[in-house]
PDB file of all heavy atoms in Angstrom:
ATOM      1  N   ARG A   1      10.060  29.536  -4.566  1.00  0.00           N
ATOM      2  CA  ARG A   1      10.150  28.070  -4.962  1.00  0.00           C
ATOM      3  C   ARG A   1      11.620  27.647  -5.012  1.00  0.00           C
ATOM      4  O   ARG A   1      12.374  28.282  -5.481  1.00  0.00           O
ATOM      5  CB  ARG A   1       9.368  27.770  -6.199  1.00  0.00           C
ATOM      6  CG  ARG A   1       7.968  28.084  -6.002  1.00  0.00           C
ATOM      7  CD  ARG A   1       7.039  27.798  -7.138  1.00  0.00           C
ATOM      8  NE  ARG A   1       7.550  27.390  -8.360  1.00  0.00           N
ATOM      9  CZ  ARG A   1       6.922  26.645  -9.252  1.00  0.00           C
ATOM     10  NH1 ARG A   1       5.673  26.167  -8.953  1.00  0.00           N
ATOM     11  NH2 ARG A   1       7.387  26.370 -10.400  1.00  0.00           N
ATOM     12  N   LEU A   2      11.801  26.466  -4.476  1.00  0.00           N
ATOM     13  CA  LEU A   2      13.130  25.795  -4.469  1.00  0.00           C
ATOM     14  C   LEU A   2      13.042  24.505  -5.258  1.00  0.00           C
ATOM     15  O   LEU A   2      12.138  23.783  -5.326  1.00  0.00           O
ATOM     16  CB  LEU A   2      13.560  25.504  -2.998  1.00  0.00           C
ATOM     17  CG  LEU A   2      13.718  26.725  -2.032  1.00  0.00           C
ATOM     18  CD1 LEU A   2      13.986  26.172  -0.610  1.00  0.00           C
ATOM     19  CD2 LEU A   2      14.728  27.578  -2.462  1.00  0.00           C
ATOM     20  N   ALA A   3      14.252  24.286  -5.860  1.00  0.00           N
ATOM     21  CA  ALA A   3      14.378  23.045  -6.736  1.00  0.00           C
ATOM     22  C   ALA A   3      15.652  22.258  -6.349  1.00  0.00           C
ATOM     23  O   ALA A   3      16.659  22.987  -5.995  1.00  0.00           O
ATOM     24  CB  ALA A   3      14.389  23.357  -8.127  1.00  0.00           C
ATOM     25  N   LEU A   4      15.747  21.032  -6.362  1.00  0.00           N
ATOM     26  CA  LEU A   4      16.931  20.269  -6.411  1.00  0.00           C
ATOM     27  C   LEU A   4      17.830  20.557  -7.549  1.00  0.00           C
ATOM     28  O   LEU A   4      17.349  20.730  -8.635  1.00  0.00           O
ATOM     29  CB  LEU A   4      16.622  18.788  -6.297  1.00  0.00           C
ATOM     30  CG  LEU A   4      16.073  18.125  -5.031  1.00  0.00           C
ATOM     31  CD1 LEU A   4      15.610  16.667  -5.309  1.00  0.00           C
ATOM     32  CD2 LEU A   4      17.019  18.227  -3.947  1.00  0.00           C
ATOM     33  N   THR A   5      19.042  20.751  -7.258  1.00  0.00           N
ATOM     34  CA  THR A   5      20.026  20.911  -8.416  1.00  0.00           C
ATOM     35  C   THR A   5      20.419  19.397  -8.783  1.00  0.00           C
ATOM     36  O   THR A   5      20.059  18.533  -8.059  1.00  0.00           O
ATOM     37  CB  THR A   5      21.306  21.673  -7.909  1.00  0.00           C
ATOM     38  OG1 THR A   5      21.899  20.890  -6.904  1.00  0.00           O
ATOM     39  CG2 THR A   5      20.897  23.066  -7.466  1.00  0.00           C
ATOM     40  N   ALA A   6      21.231  19.427  -9.776  1.00  0.00           N
ATOM     41  CA  ALA A   6      21.634  17.943 -10.167  1.00  0.00           C
ATOM     42  C   ALA A   6      22.544  17.410  -9.015  1.00  0.00           C
ATOM     43  O   ALA A   6      22.377  16.182  -8.741  1.00  0.00           O
ATOM     44  CB  ALA A   6      22.476  18.070 -11.488  1.00  0.00           C
ATOM     45  N   ALA A   7      23.336  18.222  -8.390  1.00  0.00           N
ATOM     46  CA  ALA A   7      24.164  17.776  -7.265  1.00  0.00           C
ATOM     47  C   ALA A   7      23.213  17.225  -6.065  1.00  0.00           C
ATOM     48  O   ALA A   7      23.545  16.380  -5.409  1.00  0.00           O
ATOM     49  CB  ALA A   7      25.136  18.773  -6.836  1.00  0.00           C
ATOM     50  N   GLY A   8      22.198  18.137  -5.840  1.00  0.00           N
ATOM     51  CA  GLY A   8      21.279  17.846  -4.809  1.00  0.00           C
ATOM     52  C   GLY A   8      20.549  16.543  -5.056  1.00  0.00           C
ATOM     53  O   GLY A   8      20.373  15.733  -4.112  1.00  0.00           O
ATOM     54  N   ARG A   9      20.089  16.392  -6.243  1.00  0.00           N
ATOM     55  CA  ARG A   9      19.395  15.167  -6.590  1.00  0.00           C
ATOM     56  C   ARG A   9      20.243  13.897  -6.453  1.00  0.00           C
ATOM     57  O   ARG A   9      19.892  12.817  -5.945  1.00  0.00           O
ATOM     58  CB  ARG A   9      18.839  15.244  -8.077  1.00  0.00           C
ATOM     59  CG  ARG A   9      17.947  14.196  -8.420  1.00  0.00           C
ATOM     60  CD  ARG A   9      17.205  14.395  -9.841  1.00  0.00           C
ATOM     61  NE  ARG A   9      16.605  15.620 -10.015  1.00  0.00           N
ATOM     62  CZ  ARG A   9      15.358  15.808  -9.473  1.00  0.00           C
ATOM     63  NH1 ARG A   9      14.687  14.830  -8.874  1.00  0.00           N
ATOM     64  NH2 ARG A   9      14.670  17.023  -9.659  1.00  0.00           N
ATOM     65  N   GLU A  10      21.534  14.006  -6.851  1.00  0.00           N
ATOM     66  CA  GLU A  10      22.419  12.943  -6.809  1.00  0.00           C
ATOM     67  C   GLU A  10      22.772  12.618  -5.304  1.00  0.00           C
ATOM     68  O   GLU A  10      22.803  11.488  -4.933  1.00  0.00           O
ATOM     69  CB  GLU A  10      23.797  13.220  -7.462  1.00  0.00           C
ATOM     70  CG  GLU A  10      24.809  12.155  -7.269  1.00  0.00           C
ATOM     71  CD  GLU A  10      24.382  10.757  -7.659  1.00  0.00           C
ATOM     72  OE1 GLU A  10      23.496  10.539  -8.494  1.00  0.00           O
ATOM     73  OE2 GLU A  10      25.076   9.848  -7.172  1.00  0.00           O
ATOM     74  N   LEU A  11      22.993  13.593  -4.453  1.00  0.00           N
ATOM     75  CA  LEU A  11      23.225  13.422  -3.051  1.00  0.00           C
ATOM     76  C   LEU A  11      21.977  12.729  -2.413  1.00  0.00           C
ATOM     77  O   LEU A  11      22.084  11.816  -1.593  1.00  0.00           O
ATOM     78  CB  LEU A  11      23.539  14.737  -2.321  1.00  0.00           C
ATOM     79  CG  LEU A  11      23.698  14.616  -0.807  1.00  0.00           C
ATOM     80  CD1 LEU A  11      24.954  13.692  -0.450  1.00  0.00           C
ATOM     81  CD2 LEU A  11      24.019  16.049  -0.276  1.00  0.00           C
ATOM     82  N   GLN A  12      20.778  13.297  -2.683  1.00  0.00           N
ATOM     83  CA  GLN A  12      19.621  12.711  -2.088  1.00  0.00           C
ATOM     84  C   GLN A  12      19.472  11.243  -2.540  1.00  0.00           C
ATOM     85  O   GLN A  12      19.061  10.321  -1.731  1.00  0.00           O
ATOM     86  CB  GLN A  12      18.380  13.565  -2.550  1.00  0.00           C
ATOM     87  CG  GLN A  12      17.060  13.106  -1.809  1.00  0.00           C
ATOM     88  CD  GLN A  12      16.377  12.017  -2.321  1.00  0.00           C
ATOM     89  OE1 GLN A  12      16.415  11.739  -3.554  1.00  0.00           O
ATOM     90  NE2 GLN A  12      15.735  11.180  -1.455  1.00  0.00           N
ATOM     91  N   ARG A  13      19.711  10.877  -3.750  1.00  0.00           N
ATOM     92  CA  ARG A  13      19.686   9.533  -4.298  1.00  0.00           C
ATOM     93  C   ARG A  13      20.650   8.644  -3.503  1.00  0.00           C
ATOM     94  O   ARG A  13      20.270   7.502  -3.051  1.00  0.00           O
ATOM     95  CB  ARG A  13      19.965   9.463  -5.757  1.00  0.00           C
ATOM     96  CG  ARG A  13      19.717   8.053  -6.349  1.00  0.00           C
ATOM     97  CD  ARG A  13      20.626   7.842  -7.608  1.00  0.00           C
ATOM     98  NE  ARG A  13      21.968   7.950  -7.405  1.00  0.00           N
ATOM     99  CZ  ARG A  13      22.736   7.091  -6.885  1.00  0.00           C
ATOM    100  NH1 ARG A  13      22.257   6.013  -6.387  1.00  0.00           N
ATOM    101  NH2 ARG A  13      24.041   7.222  -6.831  1.00  0.00           N
ATOM    102  N   ARG A  14      21.870   9.139  -3.260  1.00  0.00           N
ATOM    103  CA  ARG A  14      22.932   8.290  -2.489  1.00  0.00           C
ATOM    104  C   ARG A  14      22.430   8.095  -1.049  1.00  0.00           C
ATOM    105  O   ARG A  14      22.540   7.011  -0.562  1.00  0.00           O
ATOM    106  CB  ARG A  14      24.216   9.054  -2.622  1.00  0.00           C
ATOM    107  CG  ARG A  14      24.918   8.902  -3.902  1.00  0.00           C
ATOM    108  CD  ARG A  14      26.495   9.403  -3.848  1.00  0.00           C
ATOM    109  NE  ARG A  14      27.033   9.839  -2.621  1.00  0.00           N
ATOM    110  CZ  ARG A  14      27.487  11.010  -2.348  1.00  0.00           C
ATOM    111  NH1 ARG A  14      27.439  11.995  -3.126  1.00  0.00           N
ATOM    112  NH2 ARG A  14      27.990  11.236  -1.144  1.00  0.00           N
ATOM    113  N   ILE A  15      21.930   9.167  -0.453  1.00  0.00           N
ATOM    114  CA  ILE A  15      21.445   9.002   0.916  1.00  0.00           C
ATOM    115  C   ILE A  15      20.246   8.129   0.942  1.00  0.00           C
ATOM    116  O   ILE A  15      20.143   7.199   1.852  1.00  0.00           O
ATOM    117  CB  ILE A  15      21.077  10.372   1.500  1.00  0.00           C
ATOM    118  CG1 ILE A  15      22.369  11.269   1.697  1.00  0.00           C
ATOM    119  CG2 ILE A  15      20.270  10.225   2.794  1.00  0.00           C
ATOM    120  CD1 ILE A  15      22.047  12.709   2.069  1.00  0.00           C
ATOM    121  N   GLY A  16      19.411   8.159  -0.008  1.00  0.00           N
ATOM    122  CA  GLY A  16      18.158   7.275  -0.092  1.00  0.00           C
ATOM    123  C   GLY A  16      18.609   5.915  -0.208  1.00  0.00           C
ATOM    124  O   GLY A  16      18.018   4.959   0.416  1.00  0.00           O
ATOM    125  N   ALA A  17      19.625   5.600  -1.066  1.00  0.00           N
ATOM    126  CA  ALA A  17      20.080   4.254  -1.250  1.00  0.00           C
ATOM    127  C   ALA A  17      20.682   3.685   0.081  1.00  0.00           C
ATOM    128  O   ALA A  17      20.529   2.583   0.474  1.00  0.00           O
ATOM    129  CB  ALA A  17      21.069   4.123  -2.415  1.00  0.00           C
ATOM    130  N   GLY A  18      21.472   4.604   0.724  1.00  0.00           N
ATOM    131  CA  GLY A  18      22.115   4.122   2.019  1.00  0.00           C
ATOM    132  C   GLY A  18      21.017   3.897   3.104  1.00  0.00           C
ATOM    133  O   GLY A  18      21.122   2.888   3.859  1.00  0.00           O
ATOM    134  N   THR A  19      20.025   4.792   3.094  1.00  0.00           N
ATOM    135  CA  THR A  19      19.014   4.656   4.044  1.00  0.00           C
ATOM    136  C   THR A  19      18.159   3.276   3.761  1.00  0.00           C
ATOM    137  O   THR A  19      17.823   2.552   4.753  1.00  0.00           O
ATOM    138  CB  THR A  19      18.025   5.825   4.041  1.00  0.00           C
ATOM    139  OG1 THR A  19      18.765   6.916   4.328  1.00  0.00           O
ATOM    140  CG2 THR A  19      16.905   5.699   4.888  1.00  0.00           C
ATOM    141  N   ALA A  20      18.018   2.993   2.536  1.00  0.00           N
ATOM    142  CA  ALA A  20      17.311   1.679   2.214  1.00  0.00           C
ATOM    143  C   ALA A  20      18.055   0.468   2.625  1.00  0.00           C
ATOM    144  O   ALA A  20      17.516  -0.435   3.155  1.00  0.00           O
ATOM    145  CB  ALA A  20      17.113   1.704   0.762  1.00  0.00           C
ATOM    146  N   GLU A  21      19.375   0.611   2.558  1.00  0.00           N
ATOM    147  CA  GLU A  21      20.261  -0.514   3.015  1.00  0.00           C
ATOM    148  C   GLU A  21      20.137  -0.694   4.538  1.00  0.00           C
ATOM    149  O   GLU A  21      20.057  -1.742   5.110  1.00  0.00           O
ATOM    150  CB  GLU A  21      21.688  -0.378   2.643  1.00  0.00           C
ATOM    151  CG  GLU A  21      21.946  -0.538   1.159  1.00  0.00           C
ATOM    152  CD  GLU A  21      23.410  -0.137   0.712  1.00  0.00           C
ATOM    153  OE1 GLU A  21      24.234  -0.093   1.621  1.00  0.00           O
ATOM    154  OE2 GLU A  21      23.662   0.060  -0.493  1.00  0.00           O
ATOM    155  N   ILE A  22      20.166   0.484   5.156  1.00  0.00           N
ATOM    156  CA  ILE A  22      19.979   0.461   6.682  1.00  0.00           C
ATOM    157  C   ILE A  22      18.691  -0.099   7.046  1.00  0.00           C
ATOM    158  O   ILE A  22      18.614  -0.950   7.964  1.00  0.00           O
ATOM    159  CB  ILE A  22      20.194   1.831   7.200  1.00  0.00           C
ATOM    160  CG1 ILE A  22      21.663   2.335   7.010  1.00  0.00           C
ATOM    161  CG2 ILE A  22      19.845   1.947   8.685  1.00  0.00           C
ATOM    162  CD1 ILE A  22      21.893   3.890   7.225  1.00  0.00           C
ATOM    163  N   THR A  23      17.710   0.368   6.512  1.00  0.00           N
ATOM    164  CA  THR A  23      16.299  -0.080   6.814  1.00  0.00           C
ATOM    165  C   THR A  23      16.191  -1.553   6.591  1.00  0.00           C
ATOM    166  O   THR A  23      15.693  -2.237   7.368  1.00  0.00           O
ATOM    167  CB  THR A  23      15.212   0.701   5.860  1.00  0.00           C
ATOM    168  OG1 THR A  23      15.408   2.104   6.165  1.00  0.00           O
ATOM    169  CG2 THR A  23      13.843   0.283   6.193  1.00  0.00           C
ATOM    170  N   ALA A  24      16.695  -2.109   5.464  1.00  0.00           N
ATOM    171  CA  ALA A  24      16.616  -3.523   5.128  1.00  0.00           C
ATOM    172  C   ALA A  24      17.370  -4.300   6.271  1.00  0.00           C
ATOM    173  O   ALA A  24      16.827  -5.261   6.674  1.00  0.00           O
ATOM    174  CB  ALA A  24      17.246  -3.842   3.757  1.00  0.00           C
ATOM    175  N   ARG A  25      18.428  -3.795   6.746  1.00  0.00           N
ATOM    176  CA  ARG A  25      19.304  -4.503   7.798  1.00  0.00           C
ATOM    177  C   ARG A  25      18.510  -4.535   9.081  1.00  0.00           C
ATOM    178  O   ARG A  25      18.410  -5.492   9.740  1.00  0.00           O
ATOM    179  CB  ARG A  25      20.670  -3.902   7.824  1.00  0.00           C
ATOM    180  CG  ARG A  25      21.525  -4.595   8.754  1.00  0.00           C
ATOM    181  CD  ARG A  25      22.876  -3.995   8.568  1.00  0.00           C
ATOM    182  NE  ARG A  25      23.763  -4.674   9.606  1.00  0.00           N
ATOM    183  CZ  ARG A  25      25.033  -4.300   9.815  1.00  0.00           C
ATOM    184  NH1 ARG A  25      25.494  -3.257   9.260  1.00  0.00           N
ATOM    185  NH2 ARG A  25      25.791  -4.957  10.731  1.00  0.00           N
ATOM    186  N   LEU A  26      17.920  -3.302   9.434  1.00  0.00           N
ATOM    187  CA  LEU A  26      17.347  -3.163  10.805  1.00  0.00           C
ATOM    188  C   LEU A  26      16.063  -3.924  10.860  1.00  0.00           C
ATOM    189  O   LEU A  26      15.625  -4.336  12.010  1.00  0.00           O
ATOM    190  CB  LEU A  26      17.178  -1.718  11.119  1.00  0.00           C
ATOM    191  CG  LEU A  26      18.503  -0.923  11.317  1.00  0.00           C
ATOM    192  CD1 LEU A  26      18.131   0.533  11.599  1.00  0.00           C
ATOM    193  CD2 LEU A  26      19.445  -1.510  12.296  1.00  0.00           C
ATOM    194  N   TYR A  27      15.309  -3.929   9.712  1.00  0.00           N
ATOM    195  CA  TYR A  27      13.973  -4.556   9.801  1.00  0.00           C
ATOM    196  C   TYR A  27      13.885  -5.927   9.326  1.00  0.00           C
ATOM    197  O   TYR A  27      12.811  -6.476   9.337  1.00  0.00           O
ATOM    198  CB  TYR A  27      12.939  -3.611   9.045  1.00  0.00           C
ATOM    199  CG  TYR A  27      12.724  -2.295   9.688  1.00  0.00           C
ATOM    200  CD1 TYR A  27      13.641  -1.254   9.594  1.00  0.00           C
ATOM    201  CD2 TYR A  27      11.740  -2.140  10.586  1.00  0.00           C
ATOM    202  CE1 TYR A  27      13.431  -0.095  10.199  1.00  0.00           C
ATOM    203  CE2 TYR A  27      11.445  -0.899  11.291  1.00  0.00           C
ATOM    204  CZ  TYR A  27      12.308   0.138  11.034  1.00  0.00           C
ATOM    205  OH  TYR A  27      12.098   1.295  11.674  1.00  0.00           O
ATOM    206  N   ALA A  28      15.055  -6.515   8.880  1.00  0.00           N
ATOM    207  CA  ALA A  28      15.118  -7.831   8.304  1.00  0.00           C
ATOM    208  C   ALA A  28      14.407  -8.802   9.203  1.00  0.00           C
ATOM    209  O   ALA A  28      14.684  -8.757  10.446  1.00  0.00           O
ATOM    210  CB  ALA A  28      16.470  -8.228   7.932  1.00  0.00           C
ATOM    211  N   ASP A  29      13.723  -9.729   8.721  1.00  0.00           N
ATOM    212  CA  ASP A  29      13.087 -10.794   9.488  1.00  0.00           C
ATOM    213  C   ASP A  29      12.000 -10.503  10.654  1.00  0.00           C
ATOM    214  O   ASP A  29      11.676 -11.293  11.344  1.00  0.00           O
ATOM    215  CB  ASP A  29      14.207 -11.755  10.134  1.00  0.00           C
ATOM    216  CG  ASP A  29      15.223 -12.251   9.071  1.00  0.00           C
ATOM    217  OD1 ASP A  29      14.779 -12.494   7.980  1.00  0.00           O
ATOM    218  OD2 ASP A  29      16.346 -12.450   9.491  1.00  0.00           O
ATOM    219  N   LEU A  30      11.631  -9.208  10.665  1.00  0.00           N
ATOM    220  CA  LEU A  30      10.628  -8.785  11.576  1.00  0.00           C
ATOM    221  C   LEU A  30       9.336  -9.066  10.886  1.00  0.00           C
ATOM    222  O   LEU A  30       9.140  -8.682   9.732  1.00  0.00           O
ATOM    223  CB  LEU A  30      10.751  -7.353  11.966  1.00  0.00           C
ATOM    224  CG  LEU A  30      11.938  -7.001  12.759  1.00  0.00           C
ATOM    225  CD1 LEU A  30      11.974  -5.497  12.958  1.00  0.00           C
ATOM    226  CD2 LEU A  30      11.978  -7.684  14.174  1.00  0.00           C
ATOM    227  N   PRO A  31       8.345  -9.825  11.521  1.00  0.00           N
ATOM    228  CA  PRO A  31       7.201 -10.203  10.823  1.00  0.00           C
ATOM    229  C   PRO A  31       6.317  -8.931  10.464  1.00  0.00           C
ATOM    230  O   PRO A  31       6.298  -7.987  11.125  1.00  0.00           O
ATOM    231  CB  PRO A  31       6.426 -10.908  11.951  1.00  0.00           C
ATOM    232  CG  PRO A  31       7.430 -11.399  12.944  1.00  0.00           C
ATOM    233  CD  PRO A  31       8.513 -10.330  12.865  1.00  0.00           C
ATOM    234  N   ALA A  32       5.771  -8.990   9.347  1.00  0.00           N
ATOM    235  CA  ALA A  32       4.976  -7.941   8.679  1.00  0.00           C
ATOM    236  C   ALA A  32       3.892  -7.516   9.603  1.00  0.00           C
ATOM    237  O   ALA A  32       3.648  -6.248   9.729  1.00  0.00           O
ATOM    238  CB  ALA A  32       4.476  -8.295   7.353  1.00  0.00           C
ATOM    239  N   GLU A  33       3.219  -8.439  10.256  1.00  0.00           N
ATOM    240  CA  GLU A  33       2.100  -8.145  11.200  1.00  0.00           C
ATOM    241  C   GLU A  33       2.648  -7.227  12.405  1.00  0.00           C
ATOM    242  O   GLU A  33       2.019  -6.342  12.933  1.00  0.00           O
ATOM    243  CB  GLU A  33       1.371  -9.294  11.576  1.00  0.00           C
ATOM    244  CG  GLU A  33       2.117 -10.367  12.307  1.00  0.00           C
ATOM    245  CD  GLU A  33       2.768 -11.357  11.403  1.00  0.00           C
ATOM    246  OE1 GLU A  33       2.677 -11.259  10.202  1.00  0.00           O
ATOM    247  OE2 GLU A  33       3.285 -12.364  11.990  1.00  0.00           O
ATOM    248  N   ASP A  34       3.860  -7.581  12.888  1.00  0.00           N
ATOM    249  CA  ASP A  34       4.380  -6.885  14.013  1.00  0.00           C
ATOM    250  C   ASP A  34       4.740  -5.407  13.563  1.00  0.00           C
ATOM    251  O   ASP A  34       4.514  -4.522  14.316  1.00  0.00           O
ATOM    252  CB  ASP A  34       5.661  -7.503  14.519  1.00  0.00           C
ATOM    253  CG  ASP A  34       5.408  -8.799  15.277  1.00  0.00           C
ATOM    254  OD1 ASP A  34       4.223  -9.105  15.485  1.00  0.00           O
ATOM    255  OD2 ASP A  34       6.486  -9.533  15.684  1.00  0.00           O
ATOM    256  N   LEU A  35       5.295  -5.324  12.358  1.00  0.00           N
ATOM    257  CA  LEU A  35       5.631  -3.936  11.822  1.00  0.00           C
ATOM    258  C   LEU A  35       4.263  -3.090  11.591  1.00  0.00           C
ATOM    259  O   LEU A  35       4.378  -1.921  11.932  1.00  0.00           O
ATOM    260  CB  LEU A  35       6.426  -4.077  10.429  1.00  0.00           C
ATOM    261  CG  LEU A  35       7.770  -4.706  10.667  1.00  0.00           C
ATOM    262  CD1 LEU A  35       8.416  -4.929   9.341  1.00  0.00           C
ATOM    263  CD2 LEU A  35       8.704  -3.827  11.520  1.00  0.00           C
ATOM    264  N   ALA A  36       3.338  -3.798  11.180  1.00  0.00           N
ATOM    265  CA  ALA A  36       2.009  -3.133  10.995  1.00  0.00           C
ATOM    266  C   ALA A  36       1.475  -2.623  12.301  1.00  0.00           C
ATOM    267  O   ALA A  36       1.040  -1.490  12.467  1.00  0.00           O
ATOM    268  CB  ALA A  36       1.033  -3.927  10.160  1.00  0.00           C
TER     269      ALA A  36
END
């Protein structure tokens, strides 16, 4: 079994936050029905 270390958790959190920003920018203003 593998576990995230504190450093791994922090890196994953930073990447996740950056990915969320990218996603918001790329998908902004696209209609929900089109995305679905």
